[in-house]
C-alpha atoms as a PDB file:
ATOM      1  CA  UNK A   1       0.000   0.000   0.000  1.00  0.00           C
ATOM      2  CA  UNK A   2       2.945   2.334   0.598  1.00  0.00           C
ATOM      3  CA  UNK A   3       3.607   2.229  -3.168  1.00  0.00           C
ATOM      4  CA  UNK A   4       0.630   4.535  -3.613  1.00  0.00           C
ATOM      5  CA  UNK A   5       2.408   7.355  -1.777  1.00  0.00           C
ATOM      6  CA  UNK A   6       5.430   7.613  -4.064  1.00  0.00           C
ATOM      7  CA  UNK A   7       5.614  10.774  -6.134  1.00  0.00           C
ATOM      8  CA  UNK A   8       5.624   8.958  -9.467  1.00  0.00           C
ATOM      9  CA  UNK A   9       2.510   6.927  -8.643  1.00  0.00           C
ATOM     10  CA  UNK A  10       0.598   9.964  -7.332  1.00  0.00           C
ATOM     11  CA  UNK A  11       1.437  12.026 -10.427  1.00  0.00           C
ATOM     12  CA  UNK A  12       0.480   9.101 -12.650  1.00  0.00           C
ATOM     13  CA  UNK A  13      -2.899   8.713 -10.912  1.00  0.00           C
ATOM     14  CA  UNK A  14      -3.682  12.428 -11.032  1.00  0.00           C
ATOM     15  CA  UNK A  15      -2.711  12.625 -14.706  1.00  0.00           C
ATOM     16  CA  UNK A  16      -4.958   9.636 -15.421  1.00  0.00           C
ATOM     17  CA  UNK A  17      -7.727  11.339 -13.438  1.00  0.00           C
ATOM     18  CA  UNK A  18      -7.671  14.320 -15.805  1.00  0.00           C
ATOM     19  CA  UNK A  19      -7.762  12.015 -18.803  1.00  0.00           C
ATOM     20  CA  UNK A  20     -10.551   9.776 -17.470  1.00  0.00           C
ATOM     21  CA  UNK A  21     -12.600  12.788 -16.378  1.00  0.00           C
ATOM     22  CA  UNK A  22     -12.590  14.355 -19.853  1.00  0.00           C
ATOM     23  CA  UNK A  23     -15.385  12.346 -21.556  1.00  0.00           C
ATOM     24  CA  UNK A  24     -17.390  12.262 -18.322  1.00  0.00           C
ATOM     25  CA  UNK A  25     -17.179  16.032 -17.936  1.00  0.00           C
ATOM     26  CA  UNK A  26     -17.967  16.773 -21.585  1.00  0.00           C
ATOM     27  CA  UNK A  27     -21.045  14.551 -21.515  1.00  0.00           C
ATOM     28  CA  UNK A  28     -22.142  15.730 -18.056  1.00  0.00           C
ATOM     29  CA  UNK A  29     -21.916  19.430 -18.936  1.00  0.00           C
ATOM     30  CA  UNK A  30     -24.042  18.822 -22.013  1.00  0.00           C
ATOM     31  CA  UNK A  31     -26.554  16.817 -19.989  1.00  0.00           C
ATOM     32  CA  UNK A  32     -26.609  19.551 -17.345  1.00  0.00           C
ATOM     33  CA  UNK A  33     -27.806  22.086 -19.924  1.00  0.00           C
ATOM     34  CA  UNK A  34     -30.377  19.632 -21.289  1.00  0.00           C
ATOM     35  CA  UNK A  35     -31.810  18.908 -17.850  1.00  0.00           C
ATOM     36  CA  UNK A  36     -31.744  22.563 -16.848  1.00  0.00           C
ATOM     37  CA  UNK A  37     -34.069  23.118 -19.811  1.00  0.00           C
ATOM     38  CA  UNK A  38     -36.454  20.467 -18.446  1.00  0.00           C
ATOM     39  CA  UNK A  39     -35.535  17.508 -20.675  1.00  0.00           C
ATOM     40  CA  UNK A  40     -34.249  14.207 -19.295  1.00  0.00           C
ATOM     41  CA  UNK A  41     -31.980  12.635 -21.896  1.00  0.00           C
ATOM     42  CA  UNK A  42     -31.417   8.992 -21.018  1.00  0.00           C
ATOM     43  CA  UNK A  43     -30.163   8.443 -24.565  1.00  0.00           C
ATOM     44  CA  UNK A  44     -26.815  10.013 -23.673  1.00  0.00           C
ATOM     45  CA  UNK A  45     -25.020   6.665 -23.778  1.00  0.00           C
ATOM     46  CA  UNK A  46     -26.264   6.032 -27.330  1.00  0.00           C
ATOM     47  CA  UNK A  47     -25.168   9.479 -28.528  1.00  0.00           C
ATOM     48  CA  UNK A  48     -21.689   8.880 -27.143  1.00  0.00           C
ATOM     49  CA  UNK A  49     -21.448   5.369 -28.603  1.00  0.00           C
ATOM     50  CA  UNK A  50     -22.570   6.375 -32.099  1.00  0.00           C
ATOM     51  CA  UNK A  51     -20.282   9.421 -32.038  1.00  0.00           C
ATOM     52  CA  UNK A  52     -17.405   7.237 -30.850  1.00  0.00           C
ATOM     53  CA  UNK A  53     -17.953   4.888 -33.789  1.00  0.00           C
ATOM     54  CA  UNK A  54     -18.350   7.739 -36.283  1.00  0.00           C
ATOM     55  CA  UNK A  55     -15.134   9.394 -35.090  1.00  0.00           C
ATOM     56  CA  UNK A  56     -13.216   6.127 -35.405  1.00  0.00           C
ATOM     57  CA  UNK A  57     -14.495   5.139 -38.862  1.00  0.00           C
ATOM     58  CA  UNK A  58     -14.171   8.597 -40.423  1.00  0.00           C
ATOM     59  CA  UNK A  59     -10.666   9.033 -39.010  1.00  0.00           C
ATOM     60  CA  UNK A  60      -9.721   5.551 -40.236  1.00  0.00           C
ATOM     61  CA  UNK A  61     -11.036   6.125 -43.761  1.00  0.00           C
ATOM     62  CA  UNK A  62      -9.985   9.753 -44.230  1.00  0.00           C
ATOM     63  CA  UNK A  63      -6.832   9.778 -42.142  1.00  0.00           C
ATOM     64  CA  UNK A  64      -7.983  13.091 -40.669  1.00  0.00           C
ATOM     65  CA  UNK A  65      -8.620  13.452 -36.947  1.00  0.00           C
ATOM     66  CA  UNK A  66     -10.377  16.768 -37.579  1.00  0.00           C
ATOM     67  CA  UNK A  67     -12.810  14.982 -39.891  1.00  0.00           C
ATOM     68  CA  UNK A  68     -13.348  12.356 -37.199  1.00  0.00           C
ATOM     69  CA  UNK A  69     -14.137  15.035 -34.627  1.00  0.00           C
ATOM     70  CA  UNK A  70     -16.549  16.742 -37.016  1.00  0.00           C
ATOM     71  CA  UNK A  71     -18.267  13.433 -37.751  1.00  0.00           C
ATOM     72  CA  UNK A  72     -18.662  12.745 -34.035  1.00  0.00           C
ATOM     73  CA  UNK A  73     -20.242  16.134 -33.366  1.00  0.00           C
ATOM     74  CA  UNK A  74     -22.507  15.785 -36.415  1.00  0.00           C
ATOM     75  CA  UNK A  75     -23.607  12.340 -35.224  1.00  0.00           C
ATOM     76  CA  UNK A  76     -24.388  13.673 -31.761  1.00  0.00           C
ATOM     77  CA  UNK A  77     -26.423  16.499 -33.290  1.00  0.00           C
ATOM     78  CA  UNK A  78     -28.427  14.153 -35.540  1.00  0.00           C
ATOM     79  CA  UNK A  79     -29.350  11.802 -32.695  1.00  0.00           C
ATOM     80  CA  UNK A  80     -30.121  14.778 -30.455  1.00  0.00           C
ATOM     81  CA  UNK A  81     -32.392  16.244 -33.127  1.00  0.00           C
ATOM     82  CA  UNK A  82     -34.225  12.915 -33.392  1.00  0.00           C
ATOM     83  CA  UNK A  83     -34.571  12.730 -29.609  1.00  0.00           C
ATOM     84  CA  UNK A  84     -35.742  16.344 -29.462  1.00  0.00           C
ATOM     85  CA  UNK A  85     -38.339  15.840 -32.172  1.00  0.00           C
ATOM     86  CA  UNK A  86     -39.781  12.835 -30.401  1.00  0.00           C
ATOM     87  CA  UNK A  87     -39.813  14.287 -26.885  1.00  0.00           C
ATOM     88  CA  UNK A  88     -40.411  18.004 -27.504  1.00  0.00           C
ATOM     89  CA  UNK A  89     -42.548  18.085 -30.654  1.00  0.00           C
ATOM     90  CA  UNK A  90     -44.322  14.734 -30.393  1.00  0.00           C
ATOM     91  CA  UNK A  91     -44.138  14.801 -26.561  1.00  0.00           C
ATOM     92  CA  UNK A  92     -43.297  11.110 -26.234  1.00  0.00           C
ATOM     93  CA  UNK A  93     -42.249   9.789 -22.832  1.00  0.00           C
ATOM     94  CA  UNK A  94     -38.648  10.945 -22.365  1.00  0.00           C
ATOM     95  CA  UNK A  95     -37.562   7.970 -20.262  1.00  0.00           C
ATOM     96  CA  UNK A  96     -38.777   5.384 -22.769  1.00  0.00           C
ATOM     97  CA  UNK A  97     -37.487   7.335 -25.775  1.00  0.00           C
ATOM     98  CA  UNK A  98     -33.987   7.512 -24.328  1.00  0.00           C
ATOM     99  CA  UNK A  99     -33.894   3.800 -23.589  1.00  0.00           C
ATOM    100  CA  UNK A 100     -35.150   2.977 -27.105  1.00  0.00           C
ATOM    101  CA  UNK A 101     -32.395   5.053 -28.710  1.00  0.00           C
ATOM    102  CA  UNK A 102     -29.811   3.316 -26.515  1.00  0.00           C
ATOM    103  CA  UNK A 103     -30.941  -0.090 -27.778  1.00  0.00           C
ATOM    104  CA  UNK A 104     -30.808   1.159 -31.373  1.00  0.00           C
ATOM    105  CA  UNK A 105     -27.267   2.480 -30.985  1.00  0.00           C
ATOM    106  CA  UNK A 106     -25.970  -0.718 -29.405  1.00  0.00           C
ATOM    107  CA  UNK A 107     -27.171  -2.904 -32.246  1.00  0.00           C
ATOM    108  CA  UNK A 108     -26.365  -0.418 -35.004  1.00  0.00           C
ATOM    109  CA  UNK A 109     -22.725   0.125 -34.048  1.00  0.00           C
ATOM    110  CA  UNK A 110     -22.103  -3.598 -33.659  1.00  0.00           C
ATOM    111  CA  UNK A 111     -23.627  -4.351 -37.087  1.00  0.00           C
ATOM    112  CA  UNK A 112     -21.834  -1.471 -38.837  1.00  0.00           C
ATOM    113  CA  UNK A 113     -18.437  -2.401 -37.379  1.00  0.00           C
ATOM    114  CA  UNK A 114     -18.818  -6.062 -38.315  1.00  0.00           C
ATOM    115  CA  UNK A 115     -19.841  -4.985 -41.831  1.00  0.00           C
ATOM    116  CA  UNK A 116     -16.769  -2.786 -42.133  1.00  0.00           C
ATOM    117  CA  UNK A 117     -14.508  -5.639 -41.016  1.00  0.00           C
ATOM    118  CA  UNK A 118     -15.975  -7.939 -43.669  1.00  0.00           C
ATOM    119  CA  UNK A 119     -15.846  -5.369 -46.494  1.00  0.00           C
ATOM    120  CA  UNK A 120     -12.355  -4.042 -45.680  1.00  0.00           C
ATOM    121  CA  UNK A 121     -10.833  -7.355 -44.643  1.00  0.00           C
ATOM    122  CA  UNK A 122      -9.340  -5.667 -41.589  1.00  0.00           C
ATOM    123  CA  UNK A 123     -10.041  -7.579 -38.397  1.00  0.00           C
ATOM    124  CA  UNK A 124      -8.665  -5.015 -35.969  1.00  0.00           C
ATOM    125  CA  UNK A 125      -7.984  -1.657 -37.690  1.00  0.00           C
ATOM    126  CA  UNK A 126      -6.184   1.054 -35.737  1.00  0.00           C
ATOM    127  CA  UNK A 127      -6.030   4.843 -35.879  1.00  0.00           C
ATOM    128  CA  UNK A 128      -3.639   7.521 -34.646  1.00  0.00           C
ATOM    129  CA  UNK A 129      -4.655   9.181 -31.396  1.00  0.00           C
ATOM    130  CA  UNK A 130      -5.030  12.916 -30.875  1.00  0.00           C
ATOM    131  CA  UNK A 131      -1.644  14.398 -29.949  1.00  0.00           C
ATOM    132  CA  UNK A 132      -1.016  15.925 -26.549  1.00  0.00           C
ATOM    133  CA  UNK A 133      -0.511  19.686 -26.569  1.00  0.00           C
ATOM    134  CA  UNK A 134       2.045  20.825 -24.018  1.00  0.00           C
ATOM    135  CA  UNK A 135       1.326  24.393 -22.933  1.00  0.00           C
ATOM    136  CA  UNK A 136       4.477  26.544 -23.115  1.00  0.00           C
ATOM    137  CA  UNK A 137       6.220  27.123 -19.763  1.00  0.00           C
ATOM    138  CA  UNK A 138       3.329  25.590 -17.776  1.00  0.00           C
ATOM    139  CA  UNK A 139       4.111  22.094 -19.060  1.00  0.00           C
ATOM    140  CA  UNK A 140       7.616  22.371 -17.582  1.00  0.00           C
ATOM    141  CA  UNK A 141       6.395  22.867 -14.016  1.00  0.00           C
ATOM    142  CA  UNK A 142       7.532  19.926 -11.843  1.00  0.00           C
ATOM    143  CA  UNK A 143       4.634  17.542 -11.263  1.00  0.00           C
ATOM    144  CA  UNK A 144       1.921  20.085 -12.070  1.00  0.00           C
ATOM    145  CA  UNK A 145       3.006  20.338 -15.686  1.00  0.00           C
ATOM    146  CA  UNK A 146       2.474  16.641 -16.328  1.00  0.00           C
ATOM    147  CA  UNK A 147      -0.819  16.546 -14.430  1.00  0.00           C
ATOM    148  CA  UNK A 148      -2.535  19.616 -15.879  1.00  0.00           C
ATOM    149  CA  UNK A 149      -0.745  20.900 -18.961  1.00  0.00           C
ATOM    150  CA  UNK A 150       0.174  17.924 -21.161  1.00  0.00           C
ATOM    151  CA  UNK A 151      -3.169  16.751 -22.544  1.00  0.00           C
ATOM    152  CA  UNK A 152      -4.988  16.801 -25.848  1.00  0.00           C
ATOM    153  CA  UNK A 153      -7.301  19.559 -27.036  1.00  0.00           C
ATOM    154  CA  UNK A 154     -10.515  17.925 -25.797  1.00  0.00           C
ATOM    155  CA  UNK A 155      -9.273  17.795 -22.203  1.00  0.00           C
ATOM    156  CA  UNK A 156      -8.500  21.510 -22.204  1.00  0.00           C
ATOM    157  CA  UNK A 157     -11.890  22.154 -23.809  1.00  0.00           C
ATOM    158  CA  UNK A 158     -13.779  20.153 -21.179  1.00  0.00           C
ATOM    159  CA  UNK A 159     -12.228  21.944 -18.221  1.00  0.00           C
ATOM    160  CA  UNK A 160     -12.303  25.348 -19.899  1.00  0.00           C
ATOM    161  CA  UNK A 161     -16.012  25.062 -20.682  1.00  0.00           C
ATOM    162  CA  UNK A 162     -17.015  24.619 -17.044  1.00  0.00           C
ATOM    163  CA  UNK A 163     -16.616  28.276 -15.949  1.00  0.00           C
ATOM    164  CA  UNK A 164     -17.985  29.478 -19.291  1.00  0.00           C
ATOM    165  CA  UNK A 165     -21.089  27.370 -18.844  1.00  0.00           C
ATOM    166  CA  UNK A 166     -21.557  28.670 -15.304  1.00  0.00           C
ATOM    167  CA  UNK A 167     -21.305  32.241 -16.582  1.00  0.00           C
ATOM    168  CA  UNK A 168     -23.821  31.517 -19.348  1.00  0.00           C
ATOM    169  CA  UNK A 169     -26.389  29.929 -17.043  1.00  0.00           C
ATOM    170  CA  UNK A 170     -26.155  32.440 -14.190  1.00  0.00           C
ATOM    171  CA  UNK A 171     -24.899  35.668 -15.732  1.00  0.00           C
ATOM    172  CA  UNK A 172     -26.773  35.972 -19.039  1.00  0.00           C
ATOM    173  CA  UNK A 173     -30.363  36.551 -20.033  1.00  0.00           C
ATOM    174  CA  UNK A 174     -30.349  33.517 -22.331  1.00  0.00           C
ATOM    175  CA  UNK A 175     -29.124  31.301 -19.500  1.00  0.00           C
ATOM    176  CA  UNK A 176     -31.945  32.588 -17.305  1.00  0.00           C
ATOM    177  CA  UNK A 177     -34.501  31.840 -20.016  1.00  0.00           C
ATOM    178  CA  UNK A 178     -33.115  28.339 -20.457  1.00  0.00           C
ATOM    179  CA  UNK A 179     -33.384  27.670 -16.722  1.00  0.00           C
ATOM    180  CA  UNK A 180     -36.954  28.960 -16.752  1.00  0.00           C
ATOM    181  CA  UNK A 181     -37.742  26.379 -19.442  1.00  0.00           C
ATOM    182  CA  UNK A 182     -36.893  23.724 -16.862  1.00  0.00           C
ATOM    183  CA  UNK A 183     -38.285  25.436 -13.776  1.00  0.00           C
ATOM    184  CA  UNK A 184     -41.457  27.198 -14.906  1.00  0.00           C
ATOM    185  CA  UNK A 185     -42.043  26.891 -18.649  1.00  0.00           C
ATOM    186  CA  UNK A 186     -45.527  28.405 -18.417  1.00  0.00           C
ATOM    187  CA  UNK A 187     -44.049  31.695 -17.198  1.00  0.00           C
ATOM    188  CA  UNK A 188     -41.656  31.714 -20.121  1.00  0.00           C
ATOM    189  CA  UNK A 189     -44.539  31.037 -22.488  1.00  0.00           C
ATOM    190  CA  UNK A 190     -46.681  33.879 -21.126  1.00  0.00           C
ATOM    191  CA  UNK A 191     -43.866  36.305 -22.006  1.00  0.00           C
ATOM    192  CA  UNK A 192     -44.080  35.192 -25.626  1.00  0.00           C
ATOM    193  CA  UNK A 193     -40.855  33.170 -25.501  1.00  0.00           C
ATOM    194  CA  UNK A 194     -40.800  29.705 -27.065  1.00  0.00           C
ATOM    195  CA  UNK A 195     -40.253  26.891 -24.592  1.00  0.00           C
ATOM    196  CA  UNK A 196     -39.819  24.339 -27.381  1.00  0.00           C
ATOM    197  CA  UNK A 197     -37.165  26.414 -29.143  1.00  0.00           C
ATOM    198  CA  UNK A 198     -35.045  26.736 -25.993  1.00  0.00           C
ATOM    199  CA  UNK A 199     -35.405  23.060 -25.195  1.00  0.00           C
ATOM    200  CA  UNK A 200     -34.379  22.162 -28.742  1.00  0.00           C
ATOM    201  CA  UNK A 201     -31.242  24.309 -28.484  1.00  0.00           C
ATOM    202  CA  UNK A 202     -30.384  22.709 -25.135  1.00  0.00           C
ATOM    203  CA  UNK A 203     -30.842  19.185 -26.495  1.00  0.00           C
ATOM    204  CA  UNK A 204     -28.715  19.979 -29.562  1.00  0.00           C
ATOM    205  CA  UNK A 205     -25.966  21.403 -27.349  1.00  0.00           C
ATOM    206  CA  UNK A 206     -26.117  18.236 -25.247  1.00  0.00           C
ATOM    207  CA  UNK A 207     -25.842  16.150 -28.416  1.00  0.00           C
ATOM    208  CA  UNK A 208     -22.769  18.071 -29.598  1.00  0.00           C
ATOM    209  CA  UNK A 209     -21.110  17.628 -26.198  1.00  0.00           C
ATOM    210  CA  UNK A 210     -21.951  13.919 -26.216  1.00  0.00           C
ATOM    211  CA  UNK A 211     -20.366  13.777 -29.668  1.00  0.00           C
ATOM    212  CA  UNK A 212     -17.149  15.290 -28.335  1.00  0.00           C
ATOM    213  CA  UNK A 213     -17.203  12.895 -25.377  1.00  0.00           C
ATOM    214  CA  UNK A 214     -17.599   9.936 -27.725  1.00  0.00           C
ATOM    215  CA  UNK A 215     -14.830  11.266 -29.961  1.00  0.00           C
ATOM    216  CA  UNK A 216     -12.456  11.424 -26.996  1.00  0.00           C
ATOM    217  CA  UNK A 217     -13.088   7.780 -26.153  1.00  0.00           C
ATOM    218  CA  UNK A 218     -12.023   6.636 -29.622  1.00  0.00           C
ATOM    219  CA  UNK A 219      -9.550   9.356 -30.662  1.00  0.00           C
ATOM    220  CA  UNK A 220      -8.124  10.230 -27.273  1.00  0.00           C
ATOM    221  CA  UNK A 221      -7.742   6.961 -25.415  1.00  0.00           C
ATOM    222  CA  UNK A 222      -7.742   3.884 -27.691  1.00  0.00           C
ATOM    223  CA  UNK A 223      -6.366   3.144 -31.144  1.00  0.00           C
ATOM    224  CA  UNK A 224      -8.990   0.418 -31.711  1.00  0.00           C
ATOM    225  CA  UNK A 225     -12.770   0.365 -31.689  1.00  0.00           C
ATOM    226  CA  UNK A 226     -14.623  -2.346 -29.796  1.00  0.00           C
ATOM    227  CA  UNK A 227     -18.399  -2.787 -29.435  1.00  0.00           C
ATOM    228  CA  UNK A 228     -19.944  -1.033 -26.415  1.00  0.00           C
ATOM    229  CA  UNK A 229     -16.744   0.992 -26.152  1.00  0.00           C
ATOM    230  CA  UNK A 230     -18.354   3.733 -24.059  1.00  0.00           C
ATOM    231  CA  UNK A 231     -18.789   1.155 -21.256  1.00  0.00           C
ATOM    232  CA  UNK A 232     -21.551   2.978 -19.406  1.00  0.00           C
ATOM    233  CA  UNK A 233     -19.870   6.393 -19.329  1.00  0.00           C
ATOM    234  CA  UNK A 234     -23.073   8.006 -20.596  1.00  0.00           C
ATOM    235  CA  UNK A 235     -24.999   6.623 -17.643  1.00  0.00           C
ATOM    236  CA  UNK A 236     -22.255   7.714 -15.270  1.00  0.00           C
ATOM    237  CA  UNK A 237     -22.404  11.241 -16.735  1.00  0.00           C
ATOM    238  CA  UNK A 238     -26.111  11.387 -15.862  1.00  0.00           C
ATOM    239  CA  UNK A 239     -25.266  10.299 -12.310  1.00  0.00           C
ATOM    240  CA  UNK A 240     -22.579  12.994 -12.178  1.00  0.00           C
ATOM    241  CA  UNK A 241     -25.174  15.666 -13.016  1.00  0.00           C
ATOM    242  CA  UNK A 242     -27.364  14.416 -10.157  1.00  0.00           C
ATOM    243  CA  UNK A 243     -24.414  14.118  -7.754  1.00  0.00           C
ATOM    244  CA  UNK A 244     -23.341  17.624  -8.787  1.00  0.00           C
ATOM    245  CA  UNK A 245     -26.811  18.901  -7.872  1.00  0.00           C
ATOM    246  CA  UNK A 246     -27.282  20.447 -11.344  1.00  0.00           C
ATOM    247  CA  UNK A 247     -24.530  23.043 -10.722  1.00  0.00           C
ATOM    248  CA  UNK A 248     -21.554  23.306 -13.142  1.00  0.00           C
ATOM    249  CA  UNK A 249     -18.896  23.649 -10.445  1.00  0.00           C
ATOM    250  CA  UNK A 250     -20.206  20.658  -8.524  1.00  0.00           C
ATOM    251  CA  UNK A 251     -20.511  18.634 -11.720  1.00  0.00           C
ATOM    252  CA  UNK A 252     -16.803  19.305 -12.298  1.00  0.00           C
ATOM    253  CA  UNK A 253     -15.985  18.153  -8.768  1.00  0.00           C
ATOM    254  CA  UNK A 254     -18.130  15.015  -9.105  1.00  0.00           C
ATOM    255  CA  UNK A 255     -16.498  14.127 -12.431  1.00  0.00           C
ATOM    256  CA  UNK A 256     -13.036  14.463 -10.871  1.00  0.00           C
ATOM    257  CA  UNK A 257     -13.981  12.325  -7.860  1.00  0.00           C
ATOM    258  CA  UNK A 258     -15.363   9.510 -10.015  1.00  0.00           C
ATOM    259  CA  UNK A 259     -12.396   9.742 -12.380  1.00  0.00           C
ATOM    260  CA  UNK A 260      -9.970   9.544  -9.465  1.00  0.00           C
ATOM    261  CA  UNK A 261     -11.722   6.435  -8.151  1.00  0.00           C
ATOM    262  CA  UNK A 262     -11.334   4.873 -11.581  1.00  0.00           C
ATOM    263  CA  UNK A 263      -7.679   5.870 -11.787  1.00  0.00           C
ATOM    264  CA  UNK A 264      -7.139   4.454  -8.301  1.00  0.00           C
ATOM    265  CA  UNK A 265      -8.590   1.058  -9.176  1.00  0.00           C
ATOM    266  CA  UNK A 266      -6.523   0.877 -12.376  1.00  0.00           C
ATOM    267  CA  UNK A 267      -3.339   1.688 -10.475  1.00  0.00           C
ATOM    268  CA  UNK A 268      -4.257  -0.749  -7.699  1.00  0.00           C
ATOM    269  CA  UNK A 269      -4.644  -3.555 -10.222  1.00  0.00           C
ATOM    270  CA  UNK A 270      -1.349  -2.633 -11.884  1.00  0.00           C
ATOM    271  CA  UNK A 271       0.456  -2.772  -8.531  1.00  0.00           C
ATOM    272  CA  UNK A 272      -1.182  -6.079  -7.618  1.00  0.00           C
ATOM    273  CA  UNK A 273      -3.003  -4.779  -4.555  1.00  0.00           C
ATOM    274  CA  UNK A 274      -4.371  -7.740  -2.608  1.00  0.00           C
ATOM    275  CA  UNK A 275      -8.059  -6.970  -3.187  1.00  0.00           C
ATOM    276  CA  UNK A 276     -10.603  -8.685  -5.465  1.00  0.00           C
ATOM    277  CA  UNK A 277     -10.428  -6.921  -8.835  1.00  0.00           C
ATOM    278  CA  UNK A 278     -14.231  -7.042  -9.074  1.00  0.00           C
ATOM    279  CA  UNK A 279     -14.399  -4.824  -5.987  1.00  0.00           C
ATOM    280  CA  UNK A 280     -11.954  -2.366  -7.501  1.00  0.00           C
ATOM    281  CA  UNK A 281     -13.910  -2.234 -10.770  1.00  0.00           C
ATOM    282  CA  UNK A 282     -17.126  -1.546  -8.867  1.00  0.00           C
ATOM    283  CA  UNK A 283     -15.562   1.187  -6.714  1.00  0.00           C
ATOM    284  CA  UNK A 284     -16.338   4.221  -8.972  1.00  0.00           C
ATOM    285  CA  UNK A 285     -19.951   3.121  -9.397  1.00  0.00           C
ATOM    286  CA  UNK A 286     -20.367   2.486  -5.682  1.00  0.00           C
ATOM    287  CA  UNK A 287     -19.162   6.042  -5.039  1.00  0.00           C
ATOM    288  CA  UNK A 288     -21.657   7.294  -7.630  1.00  0.00           C
ATOM    289  CA  UNK A 289     -24.569   5.568  -5.904  1.00  0.00           C
ATOM    290  CA  UNK A 290     -23.443   6.880  -2.515  1.00  0.00           C
ATOM    291  CA  UNK A 291     -23.214  10.428  -3.874  1.00  0.00           C
ATOM    292  CA  UNK A 292     -26.755  10.193  -5.240  1.00  0.00           C
ATOM    293  CA  UNK A 293     -28.065   9.011  -1.886  1.00  0.00           C
ATOM    294  CA  UNK A 294     -26.297  11.733   0.093  1.00  0.00           C
ATOM    295  CA  UNK A 295     -27.336  14.518  -2.269  1.00  0.00           C
ATOM    296  CA  UNK A 296     -30.980  13.573  -2.485  1.00  0.00           C
ATOM    297  CA  UNK A 297     -32.046  15.624   0.570  1.00  0.00           C
ATOM    298  CA  UNK A 298     -30.950  18.992  -0.879  1.00  0.00           C
ATOM    299  CA  UNK A 299     -31.670  18.271  -4.529  1.00  0.00           C
ATOM    300  CA  UNK A 300     -31.882  21.242  -6.895  1.00  0.00           C
ATOM    301  CA  UNK A 301     -33.442  19.287  -9.739  1.00  0.00           C
ATOM    302  CA  UNK A 302     -35.408  21.486 -12.169  1.00  0.00           C
ATOM    303  CA  UNK A 303     -39.088  21.444 -11.254  1.00  0.00           C
ATOM    304  CA  UNK A 304     -40.298  20.588 -14.765  1.00  0.00           C
ATOM    305  CA  UNK A 305     -37.577  18.004 -15.479  1.00  0.00           C
ATOM    306  CA  UNK A 306     -38.900  15.200 -17.655  1.00  0.00           C
ATOM    307  CA  UNK A 307     -42.328  16.815 -18.104  1.00  0.00           C
ATOM    308  CA  UNK A 308     -43.323  17.627 -21.725  1.00  0.00           C
ATOM    309  CA  UNK A 309     -44.688  21.152 -22.019  1.00  0.00           C
ATOM    310  CA  UNK A 310     -48.014  21.746 -23.701  1.00  0.00           C
ATOM    311  CA  UNK A 311     -49.471  25.221 -24.011  1.00  0.00           C
ATOM    312  CA  UNK A 312     -52.800  25.467 -22.099  1.00  0.00           C
END
């Protein structure tokens, strides 16, 4: 156990925490905006999985990581638009719609990848990962440079968006209107402002963020694509929003805590810690459940969350 307290191991775990937190934070920030607008998107996992696949295939075929990123965002937007049409315009049950899209994505990505393997003759194709961008001067700081300032573009984007999103939600008129769409949509409607339009924009933003999160999983962490590659990160992002009490700064903290737990269990397995590996794998999810239970008493969930709005 003393191996965990060496400088190299601590820096390695904290660096891994930043990397693991990136897709969780991107997806959770998008979901935060969606839920603040009153829409519960349980299809987040499917958006991430389809975007992950799109980023991998487009990068593989074109050789361009920028094209892969664009494809991932476009995929997230398309699925988000479909989800928005069904839940906002048609007013279908949001819970069921999200689950249905998840099932579609799981089967579709598996079929499409198998089809590509057969057509291309490549059993296990690989791509080049996004390069790390070392920030001048900051990257040379002992310890801190490796932990915070030697990551790829999507990691910097995820952490940089957190304060910007807070400022948008709580310091702008448009952020106030979006929050009203989730708290009291009728009041927004009586002022002649479209509830549906604001919910659509929120859902599309969430889809784009899910696309970036999915792109990171394939372009930022693994050279190969495997079915169900998102491994429940979309569901964990939803839990992070709840554990963060629908506040951007707390969502950031929750994402870092869960990422650290994941980094800890990976390092523990690598060092051969004498604990059942199943327990270590379950550790981040156990923390997530505990956080949900503890935060339930002072929940700041939007009042109209999950309730389709229909003008009286």
